[in-house]
Amino acid sequence: MDDEPDAEELAAHITSLSVLRTHRRLGLAYKLMNFAHDAMELTQESDYVSLHVRVSNRAALGLYRDRLKYRVDNTEIGYYADGEDAYQMKKDLVRRGFPKKVPQ
């Protein structure tokens, strides 16, 4: 979760997701991401979630962009230690009828 208390929107960030090579293509990453989205919405009241992905990671891009409906928000040049660029991706979260907490 973003730790800026004065921010207009509450942001969540996926730092890392990995599935063991022998367990890939079973839909596990998709399910884990959807569980994370639900938790971010319902327990943390996040407005959106962001993540970084290597521009060369076609499998991850297919998951995030095509299946989970993330959009590329920015390209960060030389983001990774080996110098590879990263797409900064973002997905707006839907509250499914749950209102934001009202400050008291």
N, C-alpha and C. Protein backbone atom coordinates (compact mmCIF):
# COMPACT_ATOMS: atom_id res chain seq x y z
N MET A 1 0.84 -1.18 0.00
CA MET A 1 0.00 0.00 0.00
C MET A 1 0.88 1.24 0.00
N ASP A 2 0.40 2.27 -0.67
CA ASP A 2 1.09 3.55 -0.67
C ASP A 2 1.01 4.14 0.73
N ASP A 3 2.08 4.71 1.20
CA ASP A 3 2.09 5.23 2.56
C ASP A 3 1.99 6.75 2.64
N GLU A 4 1.40 7.37 1.61
CA GLU A 4 1.20 8.81 1.62
C GLU A 4 -0.20 9.11 2.14
N PRO A 5 -0.34 9.57 3.39
CA PRO A 5 -1.66 9.75 3.99
C PRO A 5 -2.50 10.85 3.34
N ASP A 6 -1.88 11.81 2.67
CA ASP A 6 -2.61 12.91 2.07
C ASP A 6 -2.99 12.68 0.61
N ALA A 7 -2.68 11.52 0.08
CA ALA A 7 -2.97 11.23 -1.32
C ALA A 7 -4.47 11.19 -1.56
N GLU A 8 -4.88 11.71 -2.71
CA GLU A 8 -6.31 11.70 -3.05
C GLU A 8 -6.81 10.30 -3.36
N GLU A 9 -5.94 9.48 -3.91
CA GLU A 9 -6.31 8.10 -4.23
C GLU A 9 -5.40 7.16 -3.44
N LEU A 10 -5.98 6.03 -3.02
CA LEU A 10 -5.20 5.02 -2.32
C LEU A 10 -4.62 4.05 -3.34
N ALA A 11 -3.31 3.91 -3.32
CA ALA A 11 -2.62 3.08 -4.31
C ALA A 11 -2.06 1.83 -3.67
N ALA A 12 -2.18 0.72 -4.38
CA ALA A 12 -1.55 -0.54 -3.99
C ALA A 12 -0.51 -0.86 -5.05
N HIS A 13 0.48 -1.67 -4.68
CA HIS A 13 1.53 -2.01 -5.64
C HIS A 13 1.89 -3.48 -5.48
N ILE A 14 1.94 -4.17 -6.60
CA ILE A 14 2.42 -5.56 -6.62
C ILE A 14 3.93 -5.49 -6.82
N THR A 15 4.67 -5.98 -5.85
CA THR A 15 6.12 -5.94 -5.92
C THR A 15 6.67 -7.14 -6.68
N SER A 16 6.10 -8.31 -6.43
CA SER A 16 6.63 -9.50 -7.06
C SER A 16 5.57 -10.59 -7.12
N LEU A 17 5.56 -11.30 -8.22
CA LEU A 17 4.70 -12.47 -8.38
C LEU A 17 5.49 -13.49 -9.19
N SER A 18 5.53 -14.70 -8.69
CA SER A 18 6.26 -15.74 -9.39
C SER A 18 5.55 -17.07 -9.22
N VAL A 19 5.54 -17.85 -10.28
CA VAL A 19 4.98 -19.20 -10.23
C VAL A 19 6.09 -20.15 -10.67
N LEU A 20 6.28 -21.19 -9.92
CA LEU A 20 7.28 -22.20 -10.23
C LEU A 20 7.09 -22.68 -11.68
N ARG A 21 8.17 -22.79 -12.40
CA ARG A 21 8.11 -23.13 -13.83
C ARG A 21 7.25 -24.36 -14.11
N THR A 22 7.34 -25.36 -13.25
CA THR A 22 6.58 -26.60 -13.46
C THR A 22 5.08 -26.43 -13.21
N HIS A 23 4.69 -25.29 -12.64
CA HIS A 23 3.28 -25.05 -12.34
C HIS A 23 2.67 -23.91 -13.18
N ARG A 24 3.40 -23.47 -14.17
CA ARG A 24 2.89 -22.39 -15.04
C ARG A 24 1.85 -22.92 -16.00
N ARG A 25 1.06 -22.00 -16.55
CA ARG A 25 0.00 -22.28 -17.52
C ARG A 25 -1.15 -23.08 -16.91
N LEU A 26 -1.32 -22.94 -15.59
CA LEU A 26 -2.44 -23.56 -14.89
C LEU A 26 -3.43 -22.52 -14.38
N GLY A 27 -3.15 -21.25 -14.66
CA GLY A 27 -4.04 -20.18 -14.20
C GLY A 27 -3.76 -19.72 -12.78
N LEU A 28 -2.66 -20.16 -12.19
CA LEU A 28 -2.37 -19.80 -10.80
C LEU A 28 -2.08 -18.31 -10.63
N ALA A 29 -1.29 -17.73 -11.51
CA ALA A 29 -0.97 -16.31 -11.41
C ALA A 29 -2.24 -15.47 -11.57
N TYR A 30 -3.09 -15.85 -12.50
CA TYR A 30 -4.35 -15.14 -12.71
C TYR A 30 -5.21 -15.17 -11.43
N LYS A 31 -5.30 -16.35 -10.83
CA LYS A 31 -6.10 -16.48 -9.59
C LYS A 31 -5.48 -15.69 -8.44
N LEU A 32 -4.15 -15.78 -8.29
CA LEU A 32 -3.48 -15.02 -7.24
C LEU A 32 -3.69 -13.52 -7.40
N MET A 33 -3.59 -13.05 -8.63
CA MET A 33 -3.79 -11.61 -8.88
C MET A 33 -5.22 -11.20 -8.56
N ASN A 34 -6.18 -12.01 -8.94
CA ASN A 34 -7.57 -11.66 -8.64
C ASN A 34 -7.85 -11.66 -7.15
N PHE A 35 -7.27 -12.61 -6.41
CA PHE A 35 -7.40 -12.60 -4.95
C PHE A 35 -6.76 -11.35 -4.37
N ALA A 36 -5.60 -10.97 -4.89
CA ALA A 36 -4.92 -9.76 -4.41
C ALA A 36 -5.76 -8.52 -4.71
N HIS A 37 -6.33 -8.44 -5.91
CA HIS A 37 -7.20 -7.31 -6.25
C HIS A 37 -8.37 -7.21 -5.29
N ASP A 38 -9.00 -8.33 -5.01
CA ASP A 38 -10.14 -8.33 -4.08
C ASP A 38 -9.72 -7.83 -2.70
N ALA A 39 -8.59 -8.30 -2.21
CA ALA A 39 -8.11 -7.88 -0.89
C ALA A 39 -7.78 -6.39 -0.88
N MET A 40 -7.16 -5.92 -1.95
CA MET A 40 -6.81 -4.50 -2.03
C MET A 40 -8.05 -3.62 -2.03
N GLU A 41 -9.08 -4.07 -2.71
CA GLU A 41 -10.34 -3.31 -2.76
C GLU A 41 -11.08 -3.34 -1.44
N LEU A 42 -11.28 -4.54 -0.93
CA LEU A 42 -12.19 -4.72 0.20
C LEU A 42 -11.57 -4.42 1.55
N THR A 43 -10.31 -4.77 1.75
CA THR A 43 -9.72 -4.54 3.07
C THR A 43 -8.89 -3.28 3.14
N GLN A 44 -8.27 -2.89 2.04
CA GLN A 44 -7.42 -1.70 2.03
C GLN A 44 -8.07 -0.51 1.35
N GLU A 45 -9.20 -0.74 0.68
CA GLU A 45 -9.96 0.30 -0.03
C GLU A 45 -9.12 1.03 -1.07
N SER A 46 -8.29 0.27 -1.78
CA SER A 46 -7.43 0.85 -2.81
C SER A 46 -8.24 1.30 -4.01
N ASP A 47 -7.81 2.39 -4.62
CA ASP A 47 -8.44 2.88 -5.83
C ASP A 47 -7.84 2.26 -7.08
N TYR A 48 -6.54 1.97 -7.01
CA TYR A 48 -5.88 1.34 -8.15
C TYR A 48 -4.68 0.54 -7.66
N VAL A 49 -4.18 -0.29 -8.56
CA VAL A 49 -2.99 -1.09 -8.28
C VAL A 49 -2.01 -0.91 -9.43
N SER A 50 -0.72 -0.89 -9.09
CA SER A 50 0.30 -0.74 -10.12
C SER A 50 1.35 -1.84 -9.97
N LEU A 51 2.12 -2.02 -11.02
CA LEU A 51 3.21 -2.99 -11.00
C LEU A 51 4.18 -2.63 -12.12
N HIS A 52 5.36 -3.24 -12.07
CA HIS A 52 6.35 -3.09 -13.13
C HIS A 52 6.58 -4.45 -13.77
N VAL A 53 6.80 -4.44 -15.05
CA VAL A 53 7.08 -5.69 -15.77
C VAL A 53 8.13 -5.40 -16.84
N ARG A 54 9.04 -6.35 -17.02
CA ARG A 54 10.07 -6.20 -18.05
C ARG A 54 9.41 -6.09 -19.43
N VAL A 55 9.91 -5.20 -20.25
CA VAL A 55 9.33 -5.04 -21.59
C VAL A 55 9.48 -6.31 -22.42
N SER A 56 10.44 -7.17 -22.07
CA SER A 56 10.65 -8.41 -22.82
C SER A 56 9.80 -9.58 -22.31
N ASN A 57 9.09 -9.41 -21.21
CA ASN A 57 8.36 -10.52 -20.60
C ASN A 57 6.97 -10.65 -21.23
N ARG A 58 6.94 -11.31 -22.38
CA ARG A 58 5.70 -11.43 -23.15
C ARG A 58 4.61 -12.19 -22.40
N ALA A 59 5.00 -13.21 -21.66
CA ALA A 59 4.00 -13.99 -20.92
C ALA A 59 3.32 -13.13 -19.86
N ALA A 60 4.12 -12.36 -19.11
CA ALA A 60 3.56 -11.49 -18.07
C ALA A 60 2.71 -10.39 -18.70
N LEU A 61 3.17 -9.83 -19.80
CA LEU A 61 2.39 -8.79 -20.48
C LEU A 61 1.05 -9.33 -20.94
N GLY A 62 1.03 -10.55 -21.43
CA GLY A 62 -0.23 -11.17 -21.84
C GLY A 62 -1.18 -11.32 -20.66
N LEU A 63 -0.64 -11.72 -19.53
CA LEU A 63 -1.47 -11.86 -18.33
C LEU A 63 -1.99 -10.51 -17.87
N TYR A 64 -1.10 -9.56 -17.67
CA TYR A 64 -1.51 -8.28 -17.10
C TYR A 64 -2.37 -7.45 -18.05
N ARG A 65 -1.91 -7.31 -19.28
CA ARG A 65 -2.62 -6.44 -20.23
C ARG A 65 -3.88 -7.10 -20.80
N ASP A 66 -3.74 -8.32 -21.26
CA ASP A 66 -4.83 -8.95 -21.99
C ASP A 66 -5.87 -9.61 -21.09
N ARG A 67 -5.42 -10.30 -20.06
CA ARG A 67 -6.37 -11.03 -19.20
C ARG A 67 -6.85 -10.21 -18.01
N LEU A 68 -5.94 -9.44 -17.38
CA LEU A 68 -6.31 -8.70 -16.16
C LEU A 68 -6.63 -7.23 -16.43
N LYS A 69 -6.47 -6.79 -17.67
CA LYS A 69 -6.86 -5.45 -18.11
C LYS A 69 -6.07 -4.31 -17.47
N TYR A 70 -4.78 -4.54 -17.23
CA TYR A 70 -3.88 -3.45 -16.85
C TYR A 70 -3.57 -2.64 -18.10
N ARG A 71 -3.19 -1.41 -17.91
CA ARG A 71 -2.75 -0.58 -19.04
C ARG A 71 -1.32 -0.09 -18.75
N VAL A 72 -0.57 0.13 -19.80
CA VAL A 72 0.77 0.67 -19.65
C VAL A 72 0.62 2.16 -19.35
N ASP A 73 1.14 2.56 -18.20
CA ASP A 73 1.03 3.95 -17.75
C ASP A 73 2.29 4.74 -18.10
N ASN A 74 3.43 4.03 -18.18
CA ASN A 74 4.69 4.71 -18.39
C ASN A 74 5.74 3.64 -18.75
N THR A 75 6.82 4.06 -19.39
CA THR A 75 7.97 3.18 -19.60
C THR A 75 9.13 3.77 -18.82
N GLU A 76 9.71 2.96 -17.94
CA GLU A 76 10.84 3.42 -17.13
C GLU A 76 12.12 2.83 -17.72
N ILE A 77 12.93 3.72 -18.27
CA ILE A 77 14.15 3.33 -18.95
C ILE A 77 15.19 2.85 -17.91
N GLY A 78 15.79 1.68 -18.17
CA GLY A 78 16.83 1.15 -17.30
C GLY A 78 16.37 0.82 -15.90
N TYR A 79 15.12 0.45 -15.73
CA TYR A 79 14.54 0.20 -14.42
C TYR A 79 15.22 -0.96 -13.68
N TYR A 80 15.53 -2.02 -14.38
CA TYR A 80 16.11 -3.21 -13.76
C TYR A 80 17.63 -3.09 -13.67
N ALA A 81 18.22 -3.82 -12.72
CA ALA A 81 19.67 -3.75 -12.48
C ALA A 81 20.49 -4.09 -13.72
N ASP A 82 19.95 -4.93 -14.59
CA ASP A 82 20.68 -5.29 -15.82
C ASP A 82 20.47 -4.28 -16.94
N GLY A 83 19.74 -3.19 -16.64
CA GLY A 83 19.54 -2.12 -17.60
C GLY A 83 18.29 -2.24 -18.45
N GLU A 84 17.54 -3.33 -18.30
CA GLU A 84 16.33 -3.50 -19.10
C GLU A 84 15.26 -2.51 -18.66
N ASP A 85 14.47 -2.06 -19.62
CA ASP A 85 13.36 -1.15 -19.35
C ASP A 85 12.18 -1.90 -18.76
N ALA A 86 11.32 -1.15 -18.09
CA ALA A 86 10.12 -1.73 -17.50
C ALA A 86 8.91 -0.91 -17.91
N TYR A 87 7.80 -1.60 -18.13
CA TYR A 87 6.53 -0.93 -18.25
C TYR A 87 5.96 -0.77 -16.85
N GLN A 88 5.56 0.44 -16.52
CA GLN A 88 4.80 0.65 -15.30
C GLN A 88 3.35 0.49 -15.72
N MET A 89 2.66 -0.46 -15.11
CA MET A 89 1.29 -0.76 -15.50
C MET A 89 0.35 -0.43 -14.35
N LYS A 90 -0.89 -0.13 -14.70
CA LYS A 90 -1.86 0.32 -13.71
C LYS A 90 -3.23 -0.27 -14.04
N LYS A 91 -3.97 -0.56 -12.99
CA LYS A 91 -5.34 -1.06 -13.14
C LYS A 91 -6.21 -0.36 -12.09
N ASP A 92 -7.28 0.27 -12.55
CA ASP A 92 -8.24 0.86 -11.62
C ASP A 92 -9.06 -0.25 -11.00
N LEU A 93 -9.30 -0.14 -9.70
CA LEU A 93 -10.08 -1.15 -9.00
C LEU A 93 -11.51 -0.68 -8.84
N VAL A 94 -12.43 -1.59 -8.99
CA VAL A 94 -13.86 -1.30 -8.87
C VAL A 94 -14.29 -1.69 -7.48
N ARG A 95 -15.04 -0.85 -6.83
CA ARG A 95 -15.40 -1.09 -5.43
C ARG A 95 -16.58 -2.03 -5.25
N ARG A 96 -17.23 -2.43 -6.33
CA ARG A 96 -18.35 -3.38 -6.25
C ARG A 96 -19.40 -2.96 -5.24
N GLY A 97 -19.70 -1.65 -5.24
CA GLY A 97 -20.79 -1.18 -4.37
C GLY A 97 -20.37 -0.82 -2.97
N PHE A 98 -19.09 -0.99 -2.62
CA PHE A 98 -18.63 -0.64 -1.28
C PHE A 98 -18.16 0.80 -1.29
N PRO A 99 -18.76 1.66 -0.51
CA PRO A 99 -18.31 3.06 -0.47
C PRO A 99 -16.97 3.19 0.26
N LYS A 100 -16.28 4.28 -0.03
CA LYS A 100 -15.06 4.60 0.70
C LYS A 100 -15.42 4.94 2.14
N LYS A 101 -14.46 4.77 3.03
CA LYS A 101 -14.66 5.18 4.40
C LYS A 101 -14.75 6.70 4.45
N VAL A 102 -15.66 7.20 5.24
CA VAL A 102 -15.83 8.63 5.40
C VAL A 102 -15.05 9.05 6.65
N PRO A 103 -14.14 10.03 6.53
CA PRO A 103 -13.38 10.47 7.72
C PRO A 103 -14.33 10.99 8.80
N GLN A 104 -14.00 10.65 10.03
CA GLN A 104 -14.86 11.11 11.14
C GLN A 104 -14.22 12.22 11.91
